[in-house]
Amino acid sequence: MAFSADELRVLRRALATALNPAPLQDDDVQDCLRLADSVDEAVREAGRLRAFLLADLVRYRQALPGSLAGYLELLEDALAAGYDPGADDLAALRALRGNPAAAALLARCQVLAERSVRTRLAKVAQARAPQPRQIGRPRALLLALPGGRASEEGPKPPAPSGPTGPGPKPPAPGERPVPKPSEVFPPRRRPVPPPPPEERAVG
């Protein structure tokens, strides 16, 4: 793509305005819009030319080997425009490797084809690779702050020393203690056996 001298001046002004924003005059705005339209049209024309070139390349390849010279020329133009040679192009060049120009073009196309395959495989592997799991930030420990609720409640009484375990609860103030069963029901006294008959006769 080539720019005329006027288009280059418009492009220079547009770049200067992008670096140092400033209000543009109406004429400058119209020039920028015309330049943008020209660039879009050039891109569309390049796409049309590329489509025509690839269609001619297919026709010349199907007419091989009689169209050898035209096919090699069209293939070089397509490669210069960014065309990736396909399997049909490689097969046609292998069949024509007896020609030095075709052999040199075959070596070039093999390098480009391998590079294209590696690029596609890398994209597929990257798309299928598992994404790293995002681990959340650890929670911060909550520490007691001075002057908090614990300090308002006052100091805690010291823990009683001695063995710990379940035991009778002390009665609350003003509450009558519950008597033990041994205090309510005294133990029964065992009956004394009668003396033997001999002792009773003596007595």
Protein backbone atom coordinates (compact mmCIF):
# COMPACT_ATOMS: atom_id res chain seq x y z
CA MET A 1 0.00 0.00 0.00
CA ALA A 2 1.43 3.35 -1.04
CA PHE A 3 0.36 6.85 0.06
CA SER A 4 0.50 9.96 -2.05
CA ALA A 5 2.24 13.12 -0.84
CA ASP A 6 -1.08 14.70 0.21
CA GLU A 7 -2.16 11.55 2.05
CA LEU A 8 1.16 11.44 3.89
CA ARG A 9 0.66 15.03 5.07
CA VAL A 10 -2.81 14.15 6.35
CA LEU A 11 -1.45 11.08 8.07
CA ARG A 12 1.32 13.12 9.70
CA ARG A 13 -1.20 15.65 11.04
CA ALA A 14 -3.41 12.85 12.36
CA LEU A 15 -0.49 11.25 14.20
CA ALA A 16 0.57 14.59 15.66
CA THR A 17 -2.97 15.19 16.89
CA ALA A 18 -3.11 11.72 18.44
CA LEU A 19 0.12 12.39 20.36
CA ASN A 20 -0.82 15.96 21.35
CA PRO A 21 -4.63 16.26 21.41
CA ALA A 22 -5.82 19.59 20.09
CA PRO A 23 -8.99 20.83 18.41
CA LEU A 24 -9.00 20.20 14.66
CA GLN A 25 -10.35 22.44 11.96
CA ASP A 26 -13.17 21.23 9.73
CA ASP A 27 -10.85 20.85 6.76
CA ASP A 28 -8.48 18.64 8.74
CA VAL A 29 -11.35 16.47 9.91
CA GLN A 30 -12.60 16.02 6.35
CA ASP A 31 -9.09 15.12 5.17
CA CYS A 32 -8.79 12.45 7.90
CA LEU A 33 -12.16 10.96 6.96
CA ARG A 34 -11.20 10.81 3.27
CA LEU A 35 -7.91 9.14 4.15
CA ALA A 36 -9.71 6.56 6.29
CA ASP A 37 -12.07 5.79 3.41
CA SER A 38 -9.12 5.39 1.03
CA VAL A 39 -7.39 2.96 3.41
CA ASP A 40 -10.56 0.88 3.77
CA GLU A 41 -10.99 0.73 0.04
CA ALA A 42 -7.35 -0.33 -0.42
CA VAL A 43 -7.82 -3.14 2.10
CA ARG A 44 -10.93 -4.36 0.29
CA GLU A 45 -9.13 -4.22 -3.05
CA ALA A 46 -6.22 -6.21 -1.63
CA GLY A 47 -8.65 -8.89 -0.48
CA ARG A 48 -10.20 -9.08 -3.94
CA LEU A 49 -6.80 -9.37 -5.61
CA ARG A 50 -5.79 -12.12 -3.20
CA ALA A 51 -8.94 -14.08 -4.01
CA PHE A 52 -8.27 -13.75 -7.78
CA LEU A 53 -4.66 -14.81 -7.29
CA LEU A 54 -5.58 -17.95 -5.37
CA ALA A 55 -8.23 -18.86 -7.95
CA ASP A 56 -5.66 -18.53 -10.75
CA LEU A 57 -3.21 -20.62 -8.71
CA VAL A 58 -5.75 -23.45 -8.50
CA ARG A 59 -6.42 -23.31 -12.24
CA TYR A 60 -2.71 -23.39 -13.12
CA ARG A 61 -2.08 -26.24 -10.68
CA GLN A 62 -4.84 -28.31 -12.25
CA ALA A 63 -3.28 -27.70 -15.70
CA LEU A 64 0.18 -29.02 -14.71
CA PRO A 65 2.65 -29.94 -16.08
CA GLY A 66 1.86 -27.85 -19.14
CA SER A 67 1.44 -24.70 -17.01
CA LEU A 68 4.65 -25.14 -15.03
CA ALA A 69 6.11 -21.67 -15.62
CA GLY A 70 2.88 -19.82 -14.85
CA TYR A 71 2.17 -21.98 -11.79
CA LEU A 72 5.58 -21.35 -10.24
CA GLU A 73 5.25 -17.61 -10.82
CA LEU A 74 1.76 -17.46 -9.31
CA LEU A 75 2.85 -19.55 -6.32
CA GLU A 76 5.74 -17.20 -5.57
CA ASP A 77 3.36 -14.22 -5.71
CA ALA A 78 0.94 -15.98 -3.37
CA LEU A 79 3.71 -16.81 -0.90
CA ALA A 80 4.83 -13.18 -0.91
CA ALA A 81 1.22 -12.18 -0.06
CA GLY A 82 1.21 -14.47 3.01
CA TYR A 83 -0.27 -17.62 1.48
CA ASP A 84 0.34 -20.89 3.35
CA PRO A 85 1.02 -23.71 0.86
CA GLY A 86 -1.35 -26.64 1.16
CA ALA A 87 -1.03 -30.36 0.57
CA ASP A 88 -1.98 -29.95 -3.10
CA ASP A 89 0.84 -27.49 -3.67
CA LEU A 90 3.39 -29.76 -1.98
CA ALA A 91 2.25 -32.77 -4.00
CA ALA A 92 2.46 -30.81 -7.26
CA LEU A 93 5.97 -29.53 -6.47
CA ARG A 94 7.16 -33.03 -5.53
CA ALA A 95 6.00 -34.27 -8.93
CA LEU A 96 7.96 -31.41 -10.55
CA ARG A 97 11.11 -31.64 -8.44
CA GLY A 98 13.14 -32.48 -11.55
CA ASN A 99 12.90 -28.79 -12.41
CA PRO A 100 15.45 -26.75 -10.37
CA ALA A 101 13.03 -23.88 -9.83
CA ALA A 102 10.31 -26.27 -8.65
CA ALA A 103 12.77 -28.05 -6.32
CA ALA A 104 13.85 -24.76 -4.72
CA LEU A 105 10.23 -23.69 -4.33
CA LEU A 106 9.39 -27.09 -2.78
CA ALA A 107 12.04 -26.64 -0.08
CA ARG A 108 10.67 -23.19 0.71
CA CYS A 109 7.07 -24.41 0.85
CA GLN A 110 7.97 -27.32 3.15
CA VAL A 111 9.48 -24.91 5.68
CA LEU A 112 6.41 -22.67 5.55
CA ALA A 113 4.00 -25.63 5.85
CA GLU A 114 5.83 -27.06 8.88
CA ARG A 115 5.82 -23.65 10.54
CA SER A 116 2.08 -23.29 9.93
CA VAL A 117 1.38 -26.75 11.37
CA ARG A 118 3.40 -25.98 14.51
CA THR A 119 1.52 -22.72 14.99
CA ARG A 120 -1.87 -24.46 14.72
CA LEU A 121 -0.84 -27.25 17.10
CA ALA A 122 0.43 -24.71 19.64
CA LYS A 123 -2.89 -22.86 19.53
CA VAL A 124 -4.84 -26.09 20.00
CA ALA A 125 -2.65 -27.17 22.91
CA GLN A 126 -3.01 -23.78 24.53
CA ALA A 127 -6.79 -23.92 24.18
CA ARG A 128 -6.96 -27.42 25.72
CA ALA A 129 -4.51 -26.73 28.54
CA PRO A 130 -6.21 -26.62 31.98
CA GLN A 131 -6.44 -23.19 33.42
CA PRO A 132 -4.64 -22.68 36.75
CA ARG A 133 -6.98 -22.68 39.71
CA GLN A 134 -7.16 -19.42 41.54
CA ILE A 135 -6.60 -19.92 45.23
CA GLY A 136 -8.30 -17.43 47.45
CA ARG A 137 -6.36 -15.31 49.86
CA PRO A 138 -6.03 -16.86 53.33
CA ARG A 139 -8.22 -15.36 55.98
CA ALA A 140 -6.50 -13.17 58.48
CA LEU A 141 -6.59 -14.29 62.09
CA LEU A 142 -8.90 -12.27 64.30
CA LEU A 143 -6.95 -11.03 67.27
CA ALA A 144 -8.37 -9.46 70.43
CA LEU A 145 -7.84 -5.74 70.51
CA PRO A 146 -7.09 -3.82 73.70
CA GLY A 147 -10.13 -2.10 75.13
CA GLY A 148 -12.54 -4.57 73.56
CA ARG A 149 -15.46 -6.43 75.00
CA ALA A 150 -13.28 -8.73 77.08
CA SER A 151 -11.75 -5.78 78.91
CA GLU A 152 -15.22 -4.31 79.61
CA GLU A 153 -16.39 -7.50 81.32
CA GLY A 154 -13.56 -7.25 83.82
CA PRO A 155 -10.90 -9.75 84.80
CA LYS A 156 -11.96 -13.37 84.96
CA PRO A 157 -11.71 -15.14 88.37
CA PRO A 158 -8.85 -17.58 88.66
CA ALA A 159 -9.68 -21.17 87.93
CA PRO A 160 -10.03 -23.35 91.05
CA SER A 161 -7.04 -25.53 91.76
CA GLY A 162 -7.45 -29.21 92.38
CA PRO A 163 -8.94 -32.10 90.51
CA THR A 164 -11.53 -31.20 88.00
CA GLY A 165 -14.54 -33.28 87.16
CA PRO A 166 -18.26 -33.51 87.74
CA GLY A 167 -19.30 -32.83 91.32
CA PRO A 168 -22.21 -31.48 93.33
CA LYS A 169 -23.13 -27.95 92.49
CA PRO A 170 -22.98 -25.57 95.45
CA PRO A 171 -26.42 -24.28 96.50
CA ALA A 172 -27.34 -20.83 95.42
CA PRO A 173 -27.58 -18.14 98.09
CA GLY A 174 -30.91 -18.37 99.98
CA GLU A 175 -31.68 -21.83 98.61
CA ARG A 176 -32.21 -24.72 101.05
CA PRO A 177 -29.83 -27.59 100.47
CA VAL A 178 -31.37 -30.87 99.41
CA PRO A 179 -30.83 -33.52 102.19
CA LYS A 180 -29.05 -36.70 101.33
CA PRO A 181 -30.97 -39.99 101.37
CA SER A 182 -28.92 -41.21 104.34
CA GLU A 183 -30.06 -38.19 106.37
CA VAL A 184 -33.78 -38.73 105.63
CA PHE A 185 -33.81 -42.53 105.95
CA PRO A 186 -31.41 -43.71 108.70
CA PRO A 187 -29.96 -47.16 108.21
CA ARG A 188 -32.02 -50.02 109.67
CA ARG A 189 -30.54 -51.80 112.62
CA ARG A 190 -29.95 -55.49 112.27
CA PRO A 191 -32.13 -57.68 114.59
CA VAL A 192 -30.21 -59.35 117.45
CA PRO A 193 -30.59 -63.16 117.28
CA PRO A 194 -32.15 -64.83 120.38
CA PRO A 195 -29.74 -66.56 122.79
CA PRO A 196 -29.45 -70.36 122.58
CA PRO A 197 -31.77 -72.45 124.83
CA GLU A 198 -29.03 -73.42 127.23
CA GLU A 199 -28.30 -69.79 128.07
CA ARG A 200 -32.02 -69.13 128.57
CA ALA A 201 -32.34 -72.08 131.03
CA VAL A 202 -29.41 -70.86 133.01
CA GLY A 203 -30.83 -67.46 133.19
